[in-house]
Amino acid sequence: MKISFIVLTYNRTETLLPVLRSLAAQCDARHEVLVADDGSNPENVALLMSGCPTFNCSVRHIWHPDTGFTAAAARNLGAHFSEGDYLVFLDGDCIPGKSFVAAHALLAEPGYFVNGSRVLLSERLTSQVVDAKVDLPAQSAFFWLCAWLRGDSNKLLHVLRWPWSLFRLKQGFEWRGIRSCNMAVWREDFVAVNGFDETFEGWGHEDADLVLRLSHLPVRRKNGFLATEVFHLWHPESRRDHESVNRQKVFERMKTGVVIAEKGLSQISLDPSVRVTPLH
């Protein structure tokens, strides 16, 4: 199978580049990378163009104009241009661990999506990563023990590996722990639910809505702990003006068997301002 890694970004090229460097060290001809850009300014785009590492697979930058927080639309656009059988969604501030690509390939199974795991980092350690003083995927278990003791990492168990499916499978819909910053789904399932629902405005819960609709197909959940970890770089908390509205929308949909996104993949109408640019 071919795997498409769709990396969401917006005006944080300094965190995006470490993400791409980790993917570049792991990807080959069986993969492709699409940077789904939610309208970054010209300065950040220029930094990406000049700093993107060399890959052994196709890498493209998919940019649409900045009209506010439209992560669902940016991810759908990345999926629209992707060519893979299996889609892995990442955020541009979540650095994949050194076995991330192989772990997602191993856990891919028809009838399931994979809910990835993350390790939260402190502002101090994030600054060191952004300044290229620390290469997170290359660090040892001892490094992570020290980071955890200092409060620079919220987890330590990620240094272990659990490659098997035992204890990973979930039945039905469970809201807890859903993270579109690290999530994998078969293309045919993503298309069947019409992708992310772009009617979710602002920050929050479009990922829970996607998982709810997948569960109605049904597609079951497989958790990616101790295998698919990403290192989530610190950032100030996003504005959550629409969070309660979005949450309520998911609660209402939980009472139904809704499968199809109200506005998603099938409603994409490519604006002439959308830009698709190879990165090497």
Protein backbone atom coordinates (compact mmCIF):
# COMPACT_ATOMS: atom_id res chain seq x y z
CA MET A 1 0.00 0.00 0.00
CA LYS A 2 1.02 3.62 -0.42
CA ILE A 3 0.82 5.87 2.63
CA SER A 4 0.15 9.60 2.40
CA PHE A 5 1.33 11.76 5.31
CA ILE A 6 -0.77 14.94 5.43
CA VAL A 7 0.88 17.55 7.66
CA LEU A 8 -1.22 20.54 8.73
CA THR A 9 0.61 23.84 9.19
CA TYR A 10 -0.05 27.53 9.69
CA ASN A 11 2.69 30.13 10.15
CA ARG A 12 4.94 27.89 12.25
CA THR A 13 7.63 26.82 9.81
CA GLU A 14 10.16 26.67 12.65
CA THR A 15 8.23 23.69 14.09
CA LEU A 16 7.21 22.24 10.72
CA LEU A 17 10.80 21.72 9.55
CA PRO A 18 11.75 19.31 12.40
CA VAL A 19 8.58 17.35 11.58
CA LEU A 20 9.62 17.08 7.94
CA ARG A 21 13.19 16.14 8.86
CA SER A 22 11.92 13.20 10.88
CA LEU A 23 9.63 12.07 8.06
CA ALA A 24 12.44 12.47 5.50
CA ALA A 25 14.60 10.04 7.49
CA GLN A 26 11.84 7.40 7.36
CA CYS A 27 9.95 7.77 4.07
CA ASP A 28 10.68 6.02 0.79
CA ALA A 29 8.97 5.31 -2.53
CA ARG A 30 6.01 3.71 -0.72
CA HIS A 31 5.11 7.07 0.79
CA GLU A 32 4.27 10.66 -0.05
CA VAL A 33 4.11 13.82 2.05
CA LEU A 34 1.65 16.65 1.60
CA VAL A 35 1.99 19.86 3.62
CA ALA A 36 -1.59 21.07 4.09
CA ASP A 37 -1.12 24.79 4.62
CA ASP A 38 -4.03 26.71 6.16
CA GLY A 39 -2.89 30.00 4.65
CA SER A 40 0.63 30.69 5.96
CA ASN A 41 2.09 34.10 5.09
CA PRO A 42 4.73 34.52 2.35
CA GLU A 43 7.61 34.67 4.86
CA ASN A 44 6.75 31.26 6.32
CA VAL A 45 6.19 29.75 2.89
CA ALA A 46 9.60 31.02 1.77
CA LEU A 47 11.23 29.47 4.86
CA LEU A 48 9.59 26.15 4.01
CA MET A 49 10.75 26.27 0.41
CA SER A 50 14.34 27.00 1.41
CA GLY A 51 14.51 24.69 4.44
CA CYS A 52 12.61 21.60 3.35
CA PRO A 53 14.85 18.50 3.68
CA THR A 54 15.48 16.06 0.84
CA PHE A 55 13.00 13.18 0.65
CA ASN A 56 13.04 9.82 -1.11
CA CYS A 57 9.38 10.29 -2.01
CA SER A 58 7.07 12.93 -3.44
CA VAL A 59 6.59 16.04 -1.27
CA ARG A 60 4.07 18.74 -2.14
CA HIS A 61 2.92 21.98 -0.52
CA ILE A 62 -0.87 22.50 -0.72
CA TRP A 63 -1.73 26.11 0.17
CA HIS A 64 -5.08 27.88 0.34
CA PRO A 65 -5.80 31.47 1.41
CA ASP A 66 -6.01 32.42 5.08
CA THR A 67 -9.69 32.86 5.97
CA GLY A 68 -9.36 32.03 9.66
CA PHE A 69 -9.03 28.68 11.45
CA THR A 70 -10.03 26.22 8.70
CA ALA A 71 -8.04 23.13 9.63
CA ALA A 72 -10.76 20.75 8.38
CA ALA A 73 -10.69 22.38 4.94
CA ALA A 74 -6.88 22.31 4.78
CA ARG A 75 -6.78 18.62 5.72
CA ASN A 76 -9.50 17.78 3.19
CA LEU A 77 -7.56 19.62 0.52
CA GLY A 78 -4.44 17.62 1.37
CA ALA A 79 -6.45 14.40 1.15
CA HIS A 80 -7.95 15.51 -2.17
CA PHE A 81 -4.51 15.81 -3.74
CA SER A 82 -3.08 12.71 -2.08
CA GLU A 83 -2.54 9.44 -3.94
CA GLY A 84 -2.16 6.99 -1.06
CA ASP A 85 -4.36 4.08 -0.03
CA TYR A 86 -3.87 5.05 3.61
CA LEU A 87 -3.89 8.58 5.04
CA VAL A 88 -1.93 9.64 8.12
CA PHE A 89 -2.83 13.10 9.44
CA LEU A 90 -0.23 15.03 11.42
CA ASP A 91 0.07 18.53 12.82
CA GLY A 92 3.07 20.63 11.89
CA ASP A 93 4.18 20.90 15.52
CA CYS A 94 4.14 17.13 16.20
CA ILE A 95 7.51 15.52 15.47
CA PRO A 96 7.24 11.80 14.60
CA GLY A 97 9.30 9.33 16.59
CA LYS A 98 12.01 7.41 14.74
CA SER A 99 9.79 4.37 14.06
CA PHE A 100 6.60 6.35 13.40
CA VAL A 101 6.26 5.47 9.71
CA ALA A 102 6.94 1.76 10.20
CA ALA A 103 4.58 1.61 13.19
CA HIS A 104 1.67 3.11 11.27
CA ALA A 105 2.28 0.66 8.41
CA LEU A 106 2.31 -2.23 10.87
CA LEU A 107 -0.90 -1.18 12.63
CA ALA A 108 -2.87 -0.49 9.43
CA GLU A 109 -5.74 -2.99 9.21
CA PRO A 110 -8.94 -2.93 7.13
CA GLY A 111 -11.96 -1.97 9.21
CA TYR A 112 -9.93 0.17 11.63
CA PHE A 113 -8.54 3.66 11.93
CA VAL A 114 -5.56 4.33 14.19
CA ASN A 115 -5.75 6.97 16.90
CA GLY A 116 -2.12 7.97 17.42
CA SER A 117 -0.40 8.92 20.64
CA ARG A 118 1.50 12.05 21.62
CA VAL A 119 4.05 13.26 24.16
CA LEU A 120 3.62 16.85 25.37
CA LEU A 121 6.79 18.91 25.68
CA SER A 122 7.62 21.96 27.76
CA GLU A 123 8.29 25.43 26.39
CA ARG A 124 11.96 25.05 27.39
CA LEU A 125 12.53 21.80 25.47
CA THR A 126 10.52 23.12 22.52
CA SER A 127 12.86 26.11 22.26
CA GLN A 128 15.86 23.78 22.13
CA VAL A 129 14.25 21.76 19.34
CA VAL A 130 13.34 24.85 17.32
CA ASP A 131 16.92 26.14 17.72
CA ALA A 132 18.18 22.77 16.35
CA LYS A 133 19.99 21.99 19.61
CA VAL A 134 18.06 18.75 20.16
CA ASP A 135 17.05 16.09 17.62
CA LEU A 136 14.14 14.44 19.45
CA PRO A 137 13.79 11.21 17.41
CA ALA A 138 17.46 10.40 18.03
CA GLN A 139 17.29 10.67 21.81
CA SER A 140 17.86 7.76 24.19
CA ALA A 141 15.68 6.40 26.98
CA PHE A 142 18.02 8.12 29.46
CA PHE A 143 17.37 11.50 27.78
CA TRP A 144 13.62 10.97 28.16
CA LEU A 145 13.97 9.90 31.77
CA CYS A 146 15.79 13.13 32.53
CA ALA A 147 13.26 15.17 30.53
CA TRP A 148 10.39 13.60 32.45
CA LEU A 149 12.08 14.25 35.81
CA ARG A 150 12.66 17.90 34.83
CA GLY A 151 9.05 18.33 33.74
CA ASP A 152 10.03 18.80 30.09
CA SER A 153 7.95 15.78 29.00
CA ASN A 154 4.61 14.55 30.30
CA LYS A 155 5.33 10.87 29.52
CA LEU A 156 8.04 8.29 29.89
CA LEU A 157 6.41 5.02 28.79
CA HIS A 158 6.77 5.97 25.12
CA VAL A 159 10.36 4.67 25.26
CA LEU A 160 8.82 1.17 25.33
CA ARG A 161 7.38 -0.56 22.27
CA TRP A 162 4.20 -2.63 21.94
CA PRO A 163 3.85 -3.69 18.26
CA TRP A 164 0.86 -5.99 18.75
CA SER A 165 -2.88 -5.29 18.50
CA LEU A 166 -3.68 -6.69 21.95
CA PHE A 167 -5.22 -4.00 24.22
CA ARG A 168 -5.43 -1.52 21.33
CA LEU A 169 -8.93 -2.18 20.02
CA LYS A 170 -11.97 -0.14 21.06
CA GLN A 171 -15.62 -0.94 20.50
CA GLY A 172 -18.03 1.84 19.59
CA PHE A 173 -17.44 5.57 19.88
CA GLU A 174 -15.27 6.94 22.67
CA TRP A 175 -14.54 10.67 22.71
CA ARG A 176 -11.61 10.49 25.11
CA GLY A 177 -8.15 10.78 23.54
CA ILE A 178 -9.17 11.51 19.94
CA ARG A 179 -6.38 13.45 18.23
CA SER A 180 -6.32 14.57 14.60
CA CYS A 181 -2.73 15.69 15.22
CA ASN A 182 -1.84 11.99 14.78
CA MET A 183 -4.53 9.89 13.14
CA ALA A 184 -4.54 7.32 10.33
CA VAL A 185 -7.48 6.16 8.22
CA TRP A 186 -7.96 4.18 5.01
CA ARG A 187 -8.72 6.44 2.05
CA GLU A 188 -11.86 4.49 1.15
CA ASP A 189 -13.23 5.00 4.68
CA PHE A 190 -12.30 8.69 4.68
CA VAL A 191 -14.09 9.14 1.35
CA ALA A 192 -17.11 7.15 2.57
CA VAL A 193 -17.72 9.65 5.40
CA ASN A 194 -16.90 12.65 3.15
CA GLY A 195 -13.79 13.58 5.14
CA PHE A 196 -13.64 16.22 7.86
CA ASP A 197 -16.75 18.37 8.22
CA GLU A 198 -15.86 21.94 7.31
CA THR A 199 -18.98 23.33 9.00
CA PHE A 200 -17.05 23.06 12.28
CA GLU A 201 -15.80 26.63 12.68
CA GLY A 202 -12.73 27.58 14.69
CA TRP A 203 -10.88 25.31 17.09
CA GLY A 204 -12.29 22.08 18.34
CA HIS A 205 -13.90 18.67 17.87
CA GLU A 206 -13.95 18.26 14.10
CA ASP A 207 -11.74 15.24 14.81
CA ALA A 208 -14.27 13.77 17.28
CA ASP A 209 -16.97 14.29 14.67
CA LEU A 210 -14.91 12.41 12.08
CA VAL A 211 -14.38 9.49 14.47
CA LEU A 212 -18.09 9.43 15.37
CA ARG A 213 -19.08 9.20 11.71
CA LEU A 214 -16.44 6.52 11.06
CA SER A 215 -17.91 4.50 13.94
CA HIS A 216 -21.29 4.61 12.19
CA LEU A 217 -19.91 2.92 9.05
CA PRO A 218 -18.71 1.04 11.16
CA VAL A 219 -14.94 1.55 11.31
CA ARG A 220 -13.44 0.66 14.66
CA ARG A 221 -10.71 2.41 16.62
CA LYS A 222 -7.23 1.08 17.24
CA ASN A 223 -5.03 3.06 19.64
CA GLY A 224 -1.41 3.65 18.69
CA PHE A 225 0.19 3.96 22.13
CA LEU A 226 3.81 2.72 22.52
CA ALA A 227 4.21 2.71 18.73
CA THR A 228 3.07 5.83 16.88
CA GLU A 229 4.18 8.56 19.31
CA VAL A 230 4.74 12.10 18.17
CA PHE A 231 6.44 14.82 20.22
CA HIS A 232 4.01 17.70 20.52
CA LEU A 233 5.92 20.97 20.70
CA TRP A 234 4.67 23.58 23.14
CA HIS A 235 2.60 26.52 21.94
CA PRO A 236 0.22 29.02 23.56
CA GLU A 237 -3.31 27.69 23.82
CA SER A 238 -5.42 28.42 20.75
CA ARG A 239 -8.50 30.61 20.97
CA ARG A 240 -11.54 28.44 21.59
CA ASP A 241 -14.38 30.81 20.70
CA HIS A 242 -16.43 28.09 18.98
CA GLU A 243 -15.41 25.14 21.16
CA SER A 244 -18.72 24.85 23.02
CA VAL A 245 -20.75 25.12 19.81
CA ASN A 246 -18.63 22.46 18.13
CA ARG A 247 -18.85 20.18 21.17
CA GLN A 248 -22.63 20.50 21.23
CA LYS A 249 -22.80 19.62 17.54
CA VAL A 250 -20.98 16.34 18.23
CA PHE A 251 -23.30 15.60 21.18
CA GLU A 252 -26.31 16.08 18.91
CA ARG A 253 -24.83 13.82 16.24
CA MET A 254 -24.20 11.11 18.83
CA LYS A 255 -27.97 10.69 18.94
CA THR A 256 -28.07 9.91 15.22
CA GLY A 257 -26.44 7.51 12.78
CA VAL A 258 -24.97 10.30 10.65
CA VAL A 259 -22.13 9.18 8.39
CA ILE A 260 -21.65 11.85 5.72
CA ALA A 261 -20.01 15.21 6.50
CA GLU A 262 -22.31 18.12 5.72
CA LYS A 263 -19.48 19.91 3.90
CA GLY A 264 -16.45 17.84 3.11
CA LEU A 265 -14.44 16.16 0.35
CA SER A 266 -17.23 15.97 -2.20
CA GLN A 267 -17.94 19.71 -1.85
CA ILE A 268 -14.37 20.78 -2.63
CA SER A 269 -14.39 23.38 -5.38
CA LEU A 270 -10.84 24.34 -6.20
CA ASP A 271 -10.34 28.08 -6.00
CA PRO A 272 -7.80 29.47 -8.50
CA SER A 273 -5.86 30.80 -5.51
CA VAL A 274 -5.10 27.26 -4.26
CA ARG A 275 -1.43 26.46 -4.94
CA VAL A 276 0.13 23.00 -5.29
CA THR A 277 3.92 23.18 -5.32
CA PRO A 278 6.48 20.34 -5.34
CA LEU A 279 9.01 20.87 -2.57
CA HIS A 280 11.87 19.13 -4.39
